[in-house]
PDB file of N, CA and C in Angstrom:
ATOM      1  N   UNK A   1     106.715 254.177  65.391  1.00  0.00           N
ATOM      2  CA  UNK A   1     107.947 254.826  65.058  1.00  0.00           C
ATOM      3  C   UNK A   1     108.586 254.115  63.880  1.00  0.00           C
ATOM      4  N   UNK A   2     108.917 254.878  62.891  1.00  0.00           N
ATOM      5  CA  UNK A   2     109.469 254.348  61.646  1.00  0.00           C
ATOM      6  C   UNK A   2     110.998 254.308  61.724  1.00  0.00           C
ATOM      7  N   UNK A   3     111.624 253.135  61.395  1.00  0.00           N
ATOM      8  CA  UNK A   3     113.082 253.045  61.481  1.00  0.00           C
ATOM      9  C   UNK A   3     113.736 253.880  60.381  1.00  0.00           C
ATOM     10  N   UNK A   4     114.794 254.506  60.742  1.00  0.00           N
ATOM     11  CA  UNK A   4     115.555 255.270  59.765  1.00  0.00           C
ATOM     12  C   UNK A   4     116.569 254.346  59.102  1.00  0.00           C
ATOM     13  N   UNK A   5     117.177 254.832  58.043  1.00  0.00           N
ATOM     14  CA  UNK A   5     118.174 254.028  57.338  1.00  0.00           C
ATOM     15  C   UNK A   5     119.351 253.708  58.254  1.00  0.00           C
ATOM     16  N   UNK A   6     119.679 254.651  59.109  1.00  0.00           N
ATOM     17  CA  UNK A   6     120.813 254.452  60.029  1.00  0.00           C
ATOM     18  C   UNK A   6     120.524 253.342  61.032  1.00  0.00           C
ATOM     19  N   UNK A   7     119.345 253.348  61.629  1.00  0.00           N
ATOM     20  CA  UNK A   7     119.002 252.326  62.621  1.00  0.00           C
ATOM     21  C   UNK A   7     118.788 250.968  61.949  1.00  0.00           C
ATOM     22  N   UNK A   8     118.402 250.944  60.682  1.00  0.00           N
ATOM     23  CA  UNK A   8     118.220 249.685  59.960  1.00  0.00           C
ATOM     24  C   UNK A   8     119.555 248.998  59.712  1.00  0.00           C
ATOM     25  N   UNK A   9     120.614 249.759  59.601  1.00  0.00           N
ATOM     26  CA  UNK A   9     121.945 249.185  59.373  1.00  0.00           C
ATOM     27  C   UNK A   9     122.677 248.859  60.672  1.00  0.00           C
ATOM     28  N   UNK A  10     122.211 249.399  61.779  1.00  0.00           N
ATOM     29  CA  UNK A  10     122.897 249.228  63.052  1.00  0.00           C
ATOM     30  C   UNK A  10     122.917 247.768  63.510  1.00  0.00           C
ATOM     31  N   UNK A  11     121.810 247.063  63.428  1.00  0.00           N
ATOM     32  CA  UNK A  11     121.750 245.670  63.891  1.00  0.00           C
ATOM     33  C   UNK A  11     122.677 244.769  63.072  1.00  0.00           C
ATOM     34  N   UNK A  12     122.635 244.808  61.727  1.00  0.00           N
ATOM     35  CA  UNK A  12     123.569 243.962  60.969  1.00  0.00           C
ATOM     36  C   UNK A  12     125.034 244.336  61.212  1.00  0.00           C
ATOM     37  N   UNK A  13     125.325 245.623  61.366  1.00  0.00           N
ATOM     38  CA  UNK A  13     126.699 246.050  61.620  1.00  0.00           C
ATOM     39  C   UNK A  13     127.177 245.536  62.972  1.00  0.00           C
ATOM     40  N   UNK A  14     126.334 245.589  63.981  1.00  0.00           N
ATOM     41  CA  UNK A  14     126.693 245.069  65.299  1.00  0.00           C
ATOM     42  C   UNK A  14     126.895 243.557  65.241  1.00  0.00           C
ATOM     43  N   UNK A  15     126.029 242.871  64.524  1.00  0.00           N
ATOM     44  CA  UNK A  15     126.174 241.424  64.361  1.00  0.00           C
ATOM     45  C   UNK A  15     127.487 241.069  63.671  1.00  0.00           C
ATOM     46  N   UNK A  16     127.821 241.827  62.635  1.00  0.00           N
ATOM     47  CA  UNK A  16     129.082 241.595  61.918  1.00  0.00           C
ATOM     48  C   UNK A  16     130.269 241.833  62.839  1.00  0.00           C
ATOM     49  N   UNK A  17     130.208 242.902  63.618  1.00  0.00           N
ATOM     50  CA  UNK A  17     131.289 243.232  64.537  1.00  0.00           C
ATOM     51  C   UNK A  17     131.469 242.146  65.600  1.00  0.00           C
ATOM     52  N   UNK A  18     130.381 241.652  66.136  1.00  0.00           N
ATOM     53  CA  UNK A  18     130.452 240.574  67.137  1.00  0.00           C
ATOM     54  C   UNK A  18     131.062 239.316  66.508  1.00  0.00           C
ATOM     55  N   UNK A  19     130.637 238.983  65.294  1.00  0.00           N
ATOM     56  CA  UNK A  19     131.193 237.815  64.614  1.00  0.00           C
ATOM     57  C   UNK A  19     132.684 237.996  64.352  1.00  0.00           C
ATOM     58  N   UNK A  20     133.082 239.169  63.903  1.00  0.00           N
ATOM     59  CA  UNK A  20     134.482 239.459  63.610  1.00  0.00           C
ATOM     60  C   UNK A  20     135.350 239.343  64.865  1.00  0.00           C
ATOM     61  N   UNK A  21     134.895 239.912  65.960  1.00  0.00           N
ATOM     62  CA  UNK A  21     135.637 239.843  67.218  1.00  0.00           C
ATOM     63  C   UNK A  21     135.707 238.392  67.711  1.00  0.00           C
ATOM     64  N   UNK A  22     134.624 237.645  67.568  1.00  0.00           N
ATOM     65  CA  UNK A  22     134.611 236.244  67.991  1.00  0.00           C
ATOM     66  C   UNK A  22     135.597 235.410  67.189  1.00  0.00           C
ATOM     67  N   UNK A  23     135.626 235.618  65.893  1.00  0.00           N
ATOM     68  CA  UNK A  23     136.560 234.872  65.033  1.00  0.00           C
ATOM     69  C   UNK A  23     138.001 235.239  65.373  1.00  0.00           C
ATOM     70  N   UNK A  24     138.275 236.529  65.543  1.00  0.00           N
ATOM     71  CA  UNK A  24     139.633 236.962  65.889  1.00  0.00           C
ATOM     72  C   UNK A  24     140.058 236.390  67.238  1.00  0.00           C
ATOM     73  N   UNK A  25     139.169 236.395  68.207  1.00  0.00           N
ATOM     74  CA  UNK A  25     139.485 235.845  69.528  1.00  0.00           C
ATOM     75  C   UNK A  25     139.743 234.346  69.434  1.00  0.00           C
ATOM     76  N   UNK A  26     138.952 233.658  68.629  1.00  0.00           N
ATOM     77  CA  UNK A  26     139.149 232.218  68.430  1.00  0.00           C
ATOM     78  C   UNK A  26     140.506 231.915  67.820  1.00  0.00           C
ATOM     79  N   UNK A  27     140.902 232.657  66.795  1.00  0.00           N
ATOM     80  CA  UNK A  27     142.200 232.448  66.154  1.00  0.00           C
ATOM     81  C   UNK A  27     143.332 232.775  67.115  1.00  0.00           C
ATOM     82  N   UNK A  28     143.183 233.817  67.916  1.00  0.00           N
ATOM     83  CA  UNK A  28     144.213 234.146  68.908  1.00  0.00           C
ATOM     84  C   UNK A  28     144.352 233.022  69.926  1.00  0.00           C
ATOM     85  N   UNK A  29     143.240 232.474  70.363  1.00  0.00           N
ATOM     86  CA  UNK A  29     143.265 231.389  71.339  1.00  0.00           C
ATOM     87  C   UNK A  29     143.911 230.145  70.723  1.00  0.00           C
ATOM     88  N   UNK A  30     143.551 229.800  69.486  1.00  0.00           N
ATOM     89  CA  UNK A  30     144.117 228.629  68.825  1.00  0.00           C
ATOM     90  C   UNK A  30     145.601 228.799  68.516  1.00  0.00           C
ATOM     91  N   UNK A  31     146.048 230.029  68.351  1.00  0.00           N
ATOM     92  CA  UNK A  31     147.435 230.286  67.994  1.00  0.00           C
ATOM     93  C   UNK A  31     148.385 230.395  69.168  1.00  0.00           C
ATOM     94  N   UNK A  32     147.895 230.199  70.383  1.00  0.00           N
ATOM     95  CA  UNK A  32     148.759 230.284  71.556  1.00  0.00           C
ATOM     96  C   UNK A  32     149.730 229.106  71.572  1.00  0.00           C
ATOM     97  N   UNK A  33     150.981 229.352  71.960  1.00  0.00           N
ATOM     98  CA  UNK A  33     151.941 228.251  72.054  1.00  0.00           C
ATOM     99  C   UNK A  33     151.501 227.243  73.103  1.00  0.00           C
ATOM    100  N   UNK A  34     151.797 225.988  72.839  1.00  0.00           N
ATOM    101  CA  UNK A  34     151.504 224.932  73.799  1.00  0.00           C
ATOM    102  C   UNK A  34     152.806 224.239  74.167  1.00  0.00           C
ATOM    103  N   UNK A  35     152.845 223.702  75.354  1.00  0.00           N
ATOM    104  CA  UNK A  35     154.041 223.021  75.786  1.00  0.00           C
ATOM    105  C   UNK A  35     154.144 221.667  75.089  1.00  0.00           C
ATOM    106  N   UNK A  36     155.357 221.329  74.685  1.00  0.00           N
ATOM    107  CA  UNK A  36     155.597 220.067  74.001  1.00  0.00           C
ATOM    108  C   UNK A  36     155.444 218.921  75.002  1.00  0.00           C
ATOM    109  N   UNK A  37     154.642 217.911  74.660  1.00  0.00           N
ATOM    110  CA  UNK A  37     154.483 216.792  75.596  1.00  0.00           C
ATOM    111  C   UNK A  37     155.766 215.964  75.670  1.00  0.00           C
ATOM    112  N   UNK A  38     155.915 215.226  76.744  1.00  0.00           N
ATOM    113  CA  UNK A  38     157.063 214.344  76.876  1.00  0.00           C
ATOM    114  C   UNK A  38     157.026 213.278  75.784  1.00  0.00           C
ATOM    115  N   UNK A  39     158.180 212.874  75.347  1.00  0.00           N
ATOM    116  CA  UNK A  39     158.287 211.876  74.292  1.00  0.00           C
ATOM    117  C   UNK A  39     157.881 210.501  74.807  1.00  0.00           C
ATOM    118  N   UNK A  40     157.146 209.753  73.999  1.00  0.00           N
ATOM    119  CA  UNK A  40     156.801 208.391  74.412  1.00  0.00           C
ATOM    120  C   UNK A  40     157.953 207.407  74.165  1.00  0.00           C
ATOM    121  N   UNK A  41     159.058 207.894  73.591  1.00  0.00           N
ATOM    122  CA  UNK A  41     160.188 207.029  73.306  1.00  0.00           C
ATOM    123  C   UNK A  41     160.957 206.697  74.575  1.00  0.00           C
ATOM    124  N   UNK A  42     161.530 205.508  74.599  1.00  0.00           N
ATOM    125  CA  UNK A  42     162.367 205.102  75.718  1.00  0.00           C
ATOM    126  C   UNK A  42     163.702 205.831  75.673  1.00  0.00           C
ATOM    127  N   UNK A  43     164.535 205.618  76.682  1.00  0.00           N
ATOM    128  CA  UNK A  43     165.805 206.325  76.819  1.00  0.00           C
ATOM    129  C   UNK A  43     166.731 206.115  75.624  1.00  0.00           C
ATOM    130  N   UNK A  44     166.760 204.939  75.048  1.00  0.00           N
ATOM    131  CA  UNK A  44     167.677 204.662  73.937  1.00  0.00           C
ATOM    132  C   UNK A  44     166.969 204.613  72.589  1.00  0.00           C
ATOM    133  N   UNK A  45     165.701 204.937  72.558  1.00  0.00           N
ATOM    134  CA  UNK A  45     164.947 204.907  71.313  1.00  0.00           C
ATOM    135  C   UNK A  45     165.053 206.239  70.585  1.00  0.00           C
ATOM    136  N   UNK A  46     164.936 206.160  69.245  1.00  0.00           N
ATOM    137  CA  UNK A  46     164.942 207.363  68.420  1.00  0.00           C
ATOM    138  C   UNK A  46     163.786 207.298  67.433  1.00  0.00           C
ATOM    139  N   UNK A  47     163.381 208.443  66.946  1.00  0.00           N
ATOM    140  CA  UNK A  47     162.401 208.497  65.869  1.00  0.00           C
ATOM    141  C   UNK A  47     163.064 207.996  64.593  1.00  0.00           C
ATOM    142  N   UNK A  48     162.303 207.296  63.754  1.00  0.00           N
ATOM    143  CA  UNK A  48     162.887 206.781  62.521  1.00  0.00           C
ATOM    144  C   UNK A  48     163.391 207.921  61.628  1.00  0.00           C
ATOM    145  N   UNK A  49     162.569 208.923  61.430  1.00  0.00           N
ATOM    146  CA  UNK A  49     162.934 210.051  60.574  1.00  0.00           C
ATOM    147  C   UNK A  49     161.993 211.214  60.886  1.00  0.00           C
ATOM    148  N   UNK A  50     162.468 212.446  60.706  1.00  0.00           N
ATOM    149  CA  UNK A  50     161.621 213.615  60.923  1.00  0.00           C
ATOM    150  C   UNK A  50     161.705 214.543  59.713  1.00  0.00           C
ATOM    151  N   UNK A  51     160.633 215.231  59.429  1.00  0.00           N
ATOM    152  CA  UNK A  51     160.640 216.235  58.371  1.00  0.00           C
ATOM    153  C   UNK A  51     161.384 217.456  58.885  1.00  0.00           C
ATOM    154  N   UNK A  52     162.210 218.020  58.026  1.00  0.00           N
ATOM    155  CA  UNK A  52     163.045 219.147  58.437  1.00  0.00           C
ATOM    156  C   UNK A  52     162.807 220.345  57.536  1.00  0.00           C
ATOM    157  N   UNK A  53     162.440 221.435  58.147  1.00  0.00           N
ATOM    158  CA  UNK A  53     162.318 222.730  57.476  1.00  0.00           C
ATOM    159  C   UNK A  53     162.999 223.741  58.393  1.00  0.00           C
ATOM    160  N   UNK A  54     164.073 224.375  57.954  1.00  0.00           N
ATOM    161  CA  UNK A  54     164.913 225.174  58.842  1.00  0.00           C
ATOM    162  C   UNK A  54     164.447 226.591  59.122  1.00  0.00           C
ATOM    163  N   UNK A  55     163.283 226.966  58.671  1.00  0.00           N
ATOM    164  CA  UNK A  55     162.867 228.362  58.736  1.00  0.00           C
ATOM    165  C   UNK A  55     162.536 228.780  60.158  1.00  0.00           C
ATOM    166  N   UNK A  56     163.112 229.907  60.576  1.00  0.00           N
ATOM    167  CA  UNK A  56     162.911 230.449  61.922  1.00  0.00           C
ATOM    168  C   UNK A  56     162.441 231.893  61.818  1.00  0.00           C
ATOM    169  N   UNK A  57     161.683 232.327  62.796  1.00  0.00           N
ATOM    170  CA  UNK A  57     161.273 233.735  62.880  1.00  0.00           C
ATOM    171  C   UNK A  57     160.658 234.239  61.594  1.00  0.00           C
ATOM    172  N   UNK A  58     161.281 235.249  60.998  1.00  0.00           N
ATOM    173  CA  UNK A  58     160.758 235.876  59.782  1.00  0.00           C
ATOM    174  C   UNK A  58     161.203 235.146  58.508  1.00  0.00           C
ATOM    175  N   UNK A  59     162.034 234.113  58.632  1.00  0.00           N
ATOM    176  CA  UNK A  59     162.452 233.356  57.440  1.00  0.00           C
ATOM    177  C   UNK A  59     161.242 232.618  56.880  1.00  0.00           C
ATOM    178  N   UNK A  60     161.113 232.631  55.564  1.00  0.00           N
ATOM    179  CA  UNK A  60     159.981 231.968  54.933  1.00  0.00           C
ATOM    180  C   UNK A  60     160.375 231.424  53.566  1.00  0.00           C
ATOM    181  N   UNK A  61     159.877 230.257  53.209  1.00  0.00           N
ATOM    182  CA  UNK A  61     160.149 229.735  51.875  1.00  0.00           C
ATOM    183  C   UNK A  61     159.384 230.490  50.795  1.00  0.00           C
ATOM    184  N   UNK A  62     158.459 231.339  51.192  1.00  0.00           N
ATOM    185  CA  UNK A  62     157.683 232.111  50.225  1.00  0.00           C
ATOM    186  C   UNK A  62     158.452 233.305  49.682  1.00  0.00           C
ATOM    187  N   UNK A  63     159.544 233.691  50.372  1.00  0.00           N
ATOM    188  CA  UNK A  63     160.389 234.785  49.920  1.00  0.00           C
ATOM    189  C   UNK A  63     161.577 234.191  49.170  1.00  0.00           C
ATOM    190  N   UNK A  64     161.663 234.468  47.888  1.00  0.00           N
ATOM    191  CA  UNK A  64     162.729 233.898  47.048  1.00  0.00           C
ATOM    192  C   UNK A  64     164.123 234.323  47.506  1.00  0.00           C
ATOM    193  N   UNK A  65     164.240 235.400  48.278  1.00  0.00           N
ATOM    194  CA  UNK A  65     165.537 235.889  48.746  1.00  0.00           C
ATOM    195  C   UNK A  65     165.990 235.251  50.058  1.00  0.00           C
ATOM    196  N   UNK A  66     165.143 234.418  50.665  1.00  0.00           N
ATOM    197  CA  UNK A  66     165.518 233.765  51.916  1.00  0.00           C
ATOM    198  C   UNK A  66     166.656 232.786  51.649  1.00  0.00           C
ATOM    199  N   UNK A  67     167.685 232.867  52.468  1.00  0.00           N
ATOM    200  CA  UNK A  67     168.832 231.948  52.364  1.00  0.00           C
ATOM    201  C   UNK A  67     169.171 231.490  53.776  1.00  0.00           C
ATOM    202  N   UNK A  68     169.123 230.189  53.990  1.00  0.00           N
ATOM    203  CA  UNK A  68     169.452 229.624  55.291  1.00  0.00           C
ATOM    204  C   UNK A  68     170.956 229.391  55.343  1.00  0.00           C
ATOM    205  N   UNK A  69     171.588 229.947  56.348  1.00  0.00           N
ATOM    206  CA  UNK A  69     173.036 229.833  56.484  1.00  0.00           C
ATOM    207  C   UNK A  69     173.434 228.446  56.992  1.00  0.00           C
ATOM    208  N   UNK A  70     174.639 228.047  56.621  1.00  0.00           N
ATOM    209  CA  UNK A  70     175.184 226.735  56.998  1.00  0.00           C
ATOM    210  C   UNK A  70     175.160 226.535  58.516  1.00  0.00           C
ATOM    211  N   UNK A  71     175.560 227.560  59.274  1.00  0.00           N
ATOM    212  CA  UNK A  71     175.624 227.422  60.725  1.00  0.00           C
ATOM    213  C   UNK A  71     174.270 227.071  61.315  1.00  0.00           C
ATOM    214  N   UNK A  72     173.198 227.611  60.714  1.00  0.00           N
ATOM    215  CA  UNK A  72     171.859 227.356  61.241  1.00  0.00           C
ATOM    216  C   UNK A  72     171.464 225.901  61.007  1.00  0.00           C
ATOM    217  N   UNK A  73     171.773 225.380  59.842  1.00  0.00           N
ATOM    218  CA  UNK A  73     171.460 223.976  59.545  1.00  0.00           C
ATOM    219  C   UNK A  73     172.294 223.064  60.448  1.00  0.00           C
ATOM    220  N   UNK A  74     173.580 223.394  60.612  1.00  0.00           N
ATOM    221  CA  UNK A  74     174.433 222.594  61.495  1.00  0.00           C
ATOM    222  C   UNK A  74     173.886 222.578  62.918  1.00  0.00           C
ATOM    223  N   UNK A  75     173.441 223.724  63.396  1.00  0.00           N
ATOM    224  CA  UNK A  75     172.872 223.828  64.743  1.00  0.00           C
ATOM    225  C   UNK A  75     171.599 222.991  64.858  1.00  0.00           C
ATOM    226  N   UNK A  76     170.724 223.098  63.865  1.00  0.00           N
ATOM    227  CA  UNK A  76     169.476 222.334  63.883  1.00  0.00           C
ATOM    228  C   UNK A  76     169.738 220.832  63.891  1.00  0.00           C
ATOM    229  N   UNK A  77     170.623 220.375  63.001  1.00  0.00           N
ATOM    230  CA  UNK A  77     170.879 218.938  62.909  1.00  0.00           C
ATOM    231  C   UNK A  77     171.577 218.418  64.164  1.00  0.00           C
ATOM    232  N   UNK A  78     172.420 219.225  64.773  1.00  0.00           N
ATOM    233  CA  UNK A  78     173.051 218.820  66.037  1.00  0.00           C
ATOM    234  C   UNK A  78     171.990 218.638  67.128  1.00  0.00           C
ATOM    235  N   UNK A  79     170.977 219.476  67.118  1.00  0.00           N
ATOM    236  CA  UNK A  79     169.898 219.356  68.109  1.00  0.00           C
ATOM    237  C   UNK A  79     168.983 218.169  67.801  1.00  0.00           C
ATOM    238  N   UNK A  80     168.850 217.814  66.509  1.00  0.00           N
ATOM    239  CA  UNK A  80     168.003 216.688  66.128  1.00  0.00           C
ATOM    240  C   UNK A  80     168.697 215.336  66.292  1.00  0.00           C
ATOM    241  N   UNK A  81     170.013 215.318  66.236  1.00  0.00           N
ATOM    242  CA  UNK A  81     170.779 214.065  66.267  1.00  0.00           C
ATOM    243  C   UNK A  81     170.425 213.166  67.447  1.00  0.00           C
ATOM    244  N   UNK A  82     170.245 213.675  68.669  1.00  0.00           N
ATOM    245  CA  UNK A  82     169.863 212.774  69.767  1.00  0.00           C
ATOM    246  C   UNK A  82     168.466 212.156  69.595  1.00  0.00           C
ATOM    247  N   UNK A  83     167.641 212.758  68.736  1.00  0.00           N
ATOM    248  CA  UNK A  83     166.260 212.296  68.567  1.00  0.00           C
ATOM    249  C   UNK A  83     166.065 211.373  67.372  1.00  0.00           C
ATOM    250  N   UNK A  84     166.938 211.516  66.350  1.00  0.00           N
ATOM    251  CA  UNK A  84     166.757 210.755  65.113  1.00  0.00           C
ATOM    252  C   UNK A  84     168.082 210.662  64.362  1.00  0.00           C
ATOM    253  N   UNK A  85     168.160 209.680  63.468  1.00  0.00           N
ATOM    254  CA  UNK A  85     169.332 209.547  62.600  1.00  0.00           C
ATOM    255  C   UNK A  85     168.980 209.886  61.157  1.00  0.00           C
ATOM    256  N   UNK A  86     167.802 210.480  60.952  1.00  0.00           N
ATOM    257  CA  UNK A  86     167.325 210.720  59.595  1.00  0.00           C
ATOM    258  C   UNK A  86     166.460 211.984  59.553  1.00  0.00           C
ATOM    259  N   UNK A  87     166.668 212.801  58.518  1.00  0.00           N
ATOM    260  CA  UNK A  87     165.791 213.947  58.263  1.00  0.00           C
ATOM    261  C   UNK A  87     165.275 213.864  56.840  1.00  0.00           C
ATOM    262  N   UNK A  88     164.103 214.403  56.644  1.00  0.00           N
ATOM    263  CA  UNK A  88     163.497 214.446  55.316  1.00  0.00           C
ATOM    264  C   UNK A  88     163.274 215.893  54.947  1.00  0.00           C
ATOM    265  N   UNK A  89     163.704 216.254  53.747  1.00  0.00           N
ATOM    266  CA  UNK A  89     163.483 217.611  53.254  1.00  0.00           C
ATOM    267  C   UNK A  89     162.618 217.539  52.003  1.00  0.00           C
ATOM    268  N   UNK A  90     162.068 218.682  51.622  1.00  0.00           N
ATOM    269  CA  UNK A  90     161.187 218.727  50.454  1.00  0.00           C
ATOM    270  C   UNK A  90     161.646 219.749  49.423  1.00  0.00           C
ATOM    271  N   UNK A  91     162.855 220.262  49.588  1.00  0.00           N
ATOM    272  CA  UNK A  91     163.364 221.258  48.652  1.00  0.00           C
ATOM    273  C   UNK A  91     164.881 221.321  48.743  1.00  0.00           C
ATOM    274  N   UNK A  92     165.488 221.938  47.749  1.00  0.00           N
ATOM    275  CA  UNK A  92     166.928 222.204  47.777  1.00  0.00           C
ATOM    276  C   UNK A  92     167.187 223.696  47.602  1.00  0.00           C
ATOM    277  N   UNK A  93     166.126 224.482  47.636  1.00  0.00           N
ATOM    278  CA  UNK A  93     166.255 225.932  47.523  1.00  0.00           C
ATOM    279  C   UNK A  93     166.516 226.538  48.891  1.00  0.00           C
ATOM    280  N   UNK A  94     166.859 227.808  48.906  1.00  0.00           N
ATOM    281  CA  UNK A  94     167.030 228.598  50.135  1.00  0.00           C
ATOM    282  C   UNK A  94     168.165 228.089  51.018  1.00  0.00           C
ATOM    283  N   UNK A  95     169.091 227.329  50.456  1.00  0.00           N
ATOM    284  CA  UNK A  95     170.215 226.816  51.234  1.00  0.00           C
ATOM    285  C   UNK A  95     170.034 225.384  51.691  1.00  0.00           C
ATOM    286  N   UNK A  96     168.881 224.791  51.420  1.00  0.00           N
ATOM    287  CA  UNK A  96     168.660 223.417  51.837  1.00  0.00           C
ATOM    288  C   UNK A  96     169.506 222.416  51.040  1.00  0.00           C
ATOM    289  N   UNK A  97     170.153 222.869  49.982  1.00  0.00           N
ATOM    290  CA  UNK A  97     171.061 221.995  49.238  1.00  0.00           C
ATOM    291  C   UNK A  97     172.266 221.594  50.099  1.00  0.00           C
ATOM    292  N   UNK A  98     172.500 222.281  51.215  1.00  0.00           N
ATOM    293  CA  UNK A  98     173.604 221.980  52.122  1.00  0.00           C
ATOM    294  C   UNK A  98     173.285 220.853  53.105  1.00  0.00           C
ATOM    295  N   UNK A  99     172.007 220.502  53.228  1.00  0.00           N
ATOM    296  CA  UNK A  99     171.578 219.535  54.235  1.00  0.00           C
ATOM    297  C   UNK A  99     172.263 218.176  54.073  1.00  0.00           C
ATOM    298  N   UNK A 100     172.312 217.560  52.882  1.00  0.00           N
ATOM    299  CA  UNK A 100     172.929 216.229  52.784  1.00  0.00           C
ATOM    300  C   UNK A 100     174.378 216.183  53.278  1.00  0.00           C
ATOM    301  N   UNK A 101     175.180 217.153  52.895  1.00  0.00           N
ATOM    302  CA  UNK A 101     176.585 217.179  53.319  1.00  0.00           C
ATOM    303  C   UNK A 101     176.716 217.334  54.835  1.00  0.00           C
ATOM    304  N   UNK A 102     175.959 218.252  55.401  1.00  0.00           N
ATOM    305  CA  UNK A 102     176.017 218.499  56.847  1.00  0.00           C
ATOM    306  C   UNK A 102     175.507 217.270  57.606  1.00  0.00           C
ATOM    307  N   UNK A 103     174.422 216.678  57.125  1.00  0.00           N
ATOM    308  CA  UNK A 103     173.858 215.489  57.777  1.00  0.00           C
ATOM    309  C   UNK A 103     174.840 214.319  57.715  1.00  0.00           C
ATOM    310  N   UNK A 104     175.497 214.150  56.597  1.00  0.00           N
ATOM    311  CA  UNK A 104     176.465 213.056  56.458  1.00  0.00           C
ATOM    312  C   UNK A 104     177.590 213.202  57.480  1.00  0.00           C
ATOM    313  N   UNK A 105     178.073 214.414  57.665  1.00  0.00           N
ATOM    314  CA  UNK A 105     179.133 214.658  58.655  1.00  0.00           C
ATOM    315  C   UNK A 105     178.670 214.328  60.071  1.00  0.00           C
ATOM    316  N   UNK A 106     177.367 214.439  60.315  1.00  0.00           N
ATOM    317  CA  UNK A 106     176.834 214.145  61.645  1.00  0.00           C
ATOM    318  C   UNK A 106     176.343 212.704  61.758  1.00  0.00           C
ATOM    319  N   UNK A 107     176.560 211.913  60.690  1.00  0.00           N
ATOM    320  CA  UNK A 107     176.147 210.508  60.717  1.00  0.00           C
ATOM    321  C   UNK A 107     174.657 210.316  60.547  1.00  0.00           C
ATOM    322  N   UNK A 108     174.024 211.243  59.842  1.00  0.00           N
ATOM    323  CA  UNK A 108     172.580 211.166  59.628  1.00  0.00           C
ATOM    324  C   UNK A 108     172.273 210.886  58.164  1.00  0.00           C
ATOM    325  N   UNK A 109     171.122 210.268  57.930  1.00  0.00           N
ATOM    326  CA  UNK A 109     170.631 210.034  56.575  1.00  0.00           C
ATOM    327  C   UNK A 109     169.690 211.174  56.191  1.00  0.00           C
ATOM    328  N   UNK A 110     169.536 211.361  54.885  1.00  0.00           N
ATOM    329  CA  UNK A 110     168.606 212.370  54.381  1.00  0.00           C
ATOM    330  C   UNK A 110     167.707 211.719  53.345  1.00  0.00           C
ATOM    331  N   UNK A 111     166.416 211.885  53.511  1.00  0.00           N
ATOM    332  CA  UNK A 111     165.451 211.477  52.492  1.00  0.00           C
ATOM    333  C   UNK A 111     165.039 212.746  51.769  1.00  0.00           C
ATOM    334  N   UNK A 112     165.296 212.790  50.489  1.00  0.00           N
ATOM    335  CA  UNK A 112     164.956 213.973  49.698  1.00  0.00           C
ATOM    336  C   UNK A 112     163.590 213.768  49.056  1.00  0.00           C
ATOM    337  N   UNK A 113     162.608 214.469  49.557  1.00  0.00           N
ATOM    338  CA  UNK A 113     161.289 214.441  48.960  1.00  0.00           C
ATOM    339  C   UNK A 113     161.189 215.571  47.956  1.00  0.00           C
ATOM    340  N   UNK A 114     160.045 215.739  47.374  1.00  0.00           N
ATOM    341  CA  UNK A 114     159.864 216.882  46.505  1.00  0.00           C
ATOM    342  C   UNK A 114     158.497 217.479  46.735  1.00  0.00           C
ATOM    343  N   UNK A 115     158.463 218.760  46.545  1.00  0.00           N
ATOM    344  CA  UNK A 115     157.239 219.537  46.726  1.00  0.00           C
ATOM    345  C   UNK A 115     156.692 219.831  45.353  1.00  0.00           C
ATOM    346  N   UNK A 116     155.496 219.357  45.067  1.00  0.00           N
ATOM    347  CA  UNK A 116     154.867 219.644  43.786  1.00  0.00           C
ATOM    348  C   UNK A 116     154.023 220.902  43.939  1.00  0.00           C
ATOM    349  N   UNK A 117     154.408 221.917  43.227  1.00  0.00           N
ATOM    350  CA  UNK A 117     153.686 223.175  43.286  1.00  0.00           C
ATOM    351  C   UNK A 117     153.307 223.624  41.883  1.00  0.00           C
ATOM    352  N   UNK A 118     152.707 224.772  41.796  1.00  0.00           N
ATOM    353  CA  UNK A 118     152.268 225.254  40.493  1.00  0.00           C
ATOM    354  C   UNK A 118     153.425 225.703  39.620  1.00  0.00           C
ATOM    355  N   UNK A 119     154.609 225.954  40.210  1.00  0.00           N
ATOM    356  CA  UNK A 119     155.765 226.337  39.436  1.00  0.00           C
ATOM    357  C   UNK A 119     156.572 225.125  39.036  1.00  0.00           C
TER     358      UNK A 119
END
């Protein structure tokens, strides 16, 4: 029995489909949320400094129109204050220029890093 063009393409197409489904399933499995482990810090210990990026949900630094509101930064820093006295940022765009003033009011230090990009 001589294979037709259709049956000759069936095996590679099935193989491709299996590979595609396997890769998608793997990415879905890897992307599942995990529970945050307990901190190894003692009761009165704090982290020296943490990197801070305020983007939530659909907010993204890739969208030039994204603007982080003051209240959101204040809320974030209030939640970080028990864990650290220092935050590090890598930009002043999208409203992050407000971070030093807000952090100072909360008694926190700010390390201003910079992001080297193609622009």
